[in-house]
Amino acid sequence: MGWRPTLKWLLEGVWHAAVCFYSAYFLWPSMGQDGEHINTLGSVVGFNCVLVANVKVNLTPKRFPFPFPFHFRFSLCLSSLIQMWFDFSSC
């Protein structure tokens, strides 16, 4: 891969991360109060970034090899389990 596609993917990743962060930050009504939900916000933003990256990778290729749908589901399940583990371990 050349430097132009790499730069394009990098800028799209920064854009998606910014959208995931600020949408969760502004849609979460109690986030600004004393920072009490900062760990949960981080796990929500992380899950949203994983979700957006998986959807982007799954929509981009011209051909879909056999393991693509399984990889997508596995990654979502794994990130959901990690998010639940972080949420329950912070209690």
C-alpha atoms as a PDB file:
ATOM      1  CA  MET A   1       0.000   0.000   0.000  1.00  0.00           C
ATOM      2  CA  GLY A   2       1.332   3.418  -0.896  1.00  0.00           C
ATOM      3  CA  TRP A   3       1.472   6.519   1.234  1.00  0.00           C
ATOM      4  CA  ARG A   4      -1.696   8.104  -0.237  1.00  0.00           C
ATOM      5  CA  PRO A   5      -4.078   5.274   0.707  1.00  0.00           C
ATOM      6  CA  THR A   6      -2.329   5.026   4.074  1.00  0.00           C
ATOM      7  CA  LEU A   7      -2.825   8.748   4.697  1.00  0.00           C
ATOM      8  CA  LYS A   8      -6.456   8.492   3.558  1.00  0.00           C
ATOM      9  CA  TRP A   9      -7.156   5.615   5.971  1.00  0.00           C
ATOM     10  CA  LEU A  10      -5.340   7.436   8.768  1.00  0.00           C
ATOM     11  CA  LEU A  11      -7.385  10.606   8.294  1.00  0.00           C
ATOM     12  CA  GLU A  12     -10.615   8.608   8.083  1.00  0.00           C
ATOM     13  CA  GLY A  13      -9.655   6.852  11.328  1.00  0.00           C
ATOM     14  CA  VAL A  14      -9.046  10.180  13.067  1.00  0.00           C
ATOM     15  CA  TRP A  15     -12.389  11.459  11.761  1.00  0.00           C
ATOM     16  CA  HIS A  16     -14.249   8.342  12.930  1.00  0.00           C
ATOM     17  CA  ALA A  17     -12.581   8.459  16.350  1.00  0.00           C
ATOM     18  CA  ALA A  18     -13.499  12.136  16.768  1.00  0.00           C
ATOM     19  CA  VAL A  19     -17.109  11.465  15.773  1.00  0.00           C
ATOM     20  CA  CYS A  20     -17.321   8.489  18.165  1.00  0.00           C
ATOM     21  CA  PHE A  21     -15.855  10.487  21.044  1.00  0.00           C
ATOM     22  CA  TYR A  22     -17.816  13.696  20.648  1.00  0.00           C
ATOM     23  CA  SER A  23     -21.118  11.968  19.882  1.00  0.00           C
ATOM     24  CA  ALA A  24     -20.806   9.914  23.077  1.00  0.00           C
ATOM     25  CA  TYR A  25     -19.615  12.955  25.055  1.00  0.00           C
ATOM     26  CA  PHE A  26     -22.450  15.254  23.986  1.00  0.00           C
ATOM     27  CA  LEU A  27     -25.178  12.599  24.053  1.00  0.00           C
ATOM     28  CA  TRP A  28     -24.247  11.513  27.584  1.00  0.00           C
ATOM     29  CA  PRO A  29     -26.092  13.988  29.835  1.00  0.00           C
ATOM     30  CA  SER A  30     -24.247  13.309  33.106  1.00  0.00           C
ATOM     31  CA  MET A  31     -20.714  13.164  31.692  1.00  0.00           C
ATOM     32  CA  GLY A  32     -19.804  16.725  32.590  1.00  0.00           C
ATOM     33  CA  GLN A  33     -20.623  16.286  36.284  1.00  0.00           C
ATOM     34  CA  ASP A  34     -17.488  15.470  38.309  1.00  0.00           C
ATOM     35  CA  GLY A  35     -16.164  12.974  35.717  1.00  0.00           C
ATOM     36  CA  GLU A  36     -17.904  10.106  37.488  1.00  0.00           C
ATOM     37  CA  HIS A  37     -18.557   8.135  34.309  1.00  0.00           C
ATOM     38  CA  ILE A  38     -15.188   8.592  32.600  1.00  0.00           C
ATOM     39  CA  ASN A  39     -14.357   4.851  32.580  1.00  0.00           C
ATOM     40  CA  THR A  40     -17.711   3.939  31.102  1.00  0.00           C
ATOM     41  CA  LEU A  41     -17.427   6.702  28.525  1.00  0.00           C
ATOM     42  CA  GLY A  42     -14.043   5.343  27.492  1.00  0.00           C
ATOM     43  CA  SER A  43     -15.386   1.844  27.029  1.00  0.00           C
ATOM     44  CA  VAL A  44     -18.375   3.150  25.025  1.00  0.00           C
ATOM     45  CA  VAL A  45     -16.080   5.192  22.785  1.00  0.00           C
ATOM     46  CA  GLY A  46     -13.752   2.216  22.373  1.00  0.00           C
ATOM     47  CA  PHE A  47     -16.640  -0.081  21.443  1.00  0.00           C
ATOM     48  CA  ASN A  48     -17.971   2.480  18.957  1.00  0.00           C
ATOM     49  CA  CYS A  49     -14.534   2.795  17.350  1.00  0.00           C
ATOM     50  CA  VAL A  50     -14.275  -0.999  17.023  1.00  0.00           C
ATOM     51  CA  LEU A  51     -17.765  -1.117  15.543  1.00  0.00           C
ATOM     52  CA  VAL A  52     -17.057   1.646  13.011  1.00  0.00           C
ATOM     53  CA  ALA A  53     -13.715   0.109  12.024  1.00  0.00           C
ATOM     54  CA  ASN A  54     -15.295  -3.326  11.521  1.00  0.00           C
ATOM     55  CA  VAL A  55     -18.122  -1.936   9.424  1.00  0.00           C
ATOM     56  CA  LYS A  56     -15.651   0.095   7.352  1.00  0.00           C
ATOM     57  CA  VAL A  57     -13.395  -2.909   6.752  1.00  0.00           C
ATOM     58  CA  ASN A  58     -16.361  -5.113   5.868  1.00  0.00           C
ATOM     59  CA  LEU A  59     -17.857  -2.624   3.408  1.00  0.00           C
ATOM     60  CA  THR A  60     -14.622  -1.761   1.592  1.00  0.00           C
ATOM     61  CA  PRO A  61     -13.488  -4.964  -0.190  1.00  0.00           C
ATOM     62  CA  LYS A  62     -14.663  -5.924  -3.648  1.00  0.00           C
ATOM     63  CA  ARG A  63     -14.836  -9.628  -2.754  1.00  0.00           C
ATOM     64  CA  PHE A  64     -15.956 -11.206   0.482  1.00  0.00           C
ATOM     65  CA  PRO A  65     -13.934 -14.274   1.448  1.00  0.00           C
ATOM     66  CA  PHE A  66     -15.504 -16.963   3.621  1.00  0.00           C
ATOM     67  CA  PRO A  67     -14.245 -15.858   7.102  1.00  0.00           C
ATOM     68  CA  PHE A  68     -15.316 -12.200   6.795  1.00  0.00           C
ATOM     69  CA  PRO A  69     -18.742 -12.447   8.497  1.00  0.00           C
ATOM     70  CA  PHE A  70     -17.311 -14.647  11.260  1.00  0.00           C
ATOM     71  CA  HIS A  71     -14.453 -12.218  11.899  1.00  0.00           C
ATOM     72  CA  PHE A  72     -16.932  -9.353  12.147  1.00  0.00           C
ATOM     73  CA  ARG A  73     -19.101 -11.194  14.673  1.00  0.00           C
ATOM     74  CA  PHE A  74     -16.104 -12.449  16.655  1.00  0.00           C
ATOM     75  CA  SER A  75     -14.624  -8.953  16.940  1.00  0.00           C
ATOM     76  CA  LEU A  76     -17.935  -7.453  18.083  1.00  0.00           C
ATOM     77  CA  CYS A  77     -18.454 -10.197  20.665  1.00  0.00           C
ATOM     78  CA  LEU A  78     -14.901  -9.839  21.947  1.00  0.00           C
ATOM     79  CA  SER A  79     -15.128  -6.058  22.256  1.00  0.00           C
ATOM     80  CA  SER A  80     -18.518  -6.406  23.995  1.00  0.00           C
ATOM     81  CA  LEU A  81     -17.038  -8.838  26.502  1.00  0.00           C
ATOM     82  CA  ILE A  82     -14.086  -6.533  27.145  1.00  0.00           C
ATOM     83  CA  GLN A  83     -16.447  -3.589  27.624  1.00  0.00           C
ATOM     84  CA  MET A  84     -18.579  -5.548  30.096  1.00  0.00           C
ATOM     85  CA  TRP A  85     -15.477  -6.698  31.978  1.00  0.00           C
ATOM     86  CA  PHE A  86     -14.194  -3.120  32.333  1.00  0.00           C
ATOM     87  CA  ASP A  87     -17.622  -1.858  33.390  1.00  0.00           C
ATOM     88  CA  PHE A  88     -18.042  -4.534  36.063  1.00  0.00           C
ATOM     89  CA  SER A  89     -14.454  -4.369  37.302  1.00  0.00           C
ATOM     90  CA  SER A  90     -14.740  -0.626  38.002  1.00  0.00           C
ATOM     91  CA  CYS A  91     -17.648  -1.167  40.432  1.00  0.00           C
END
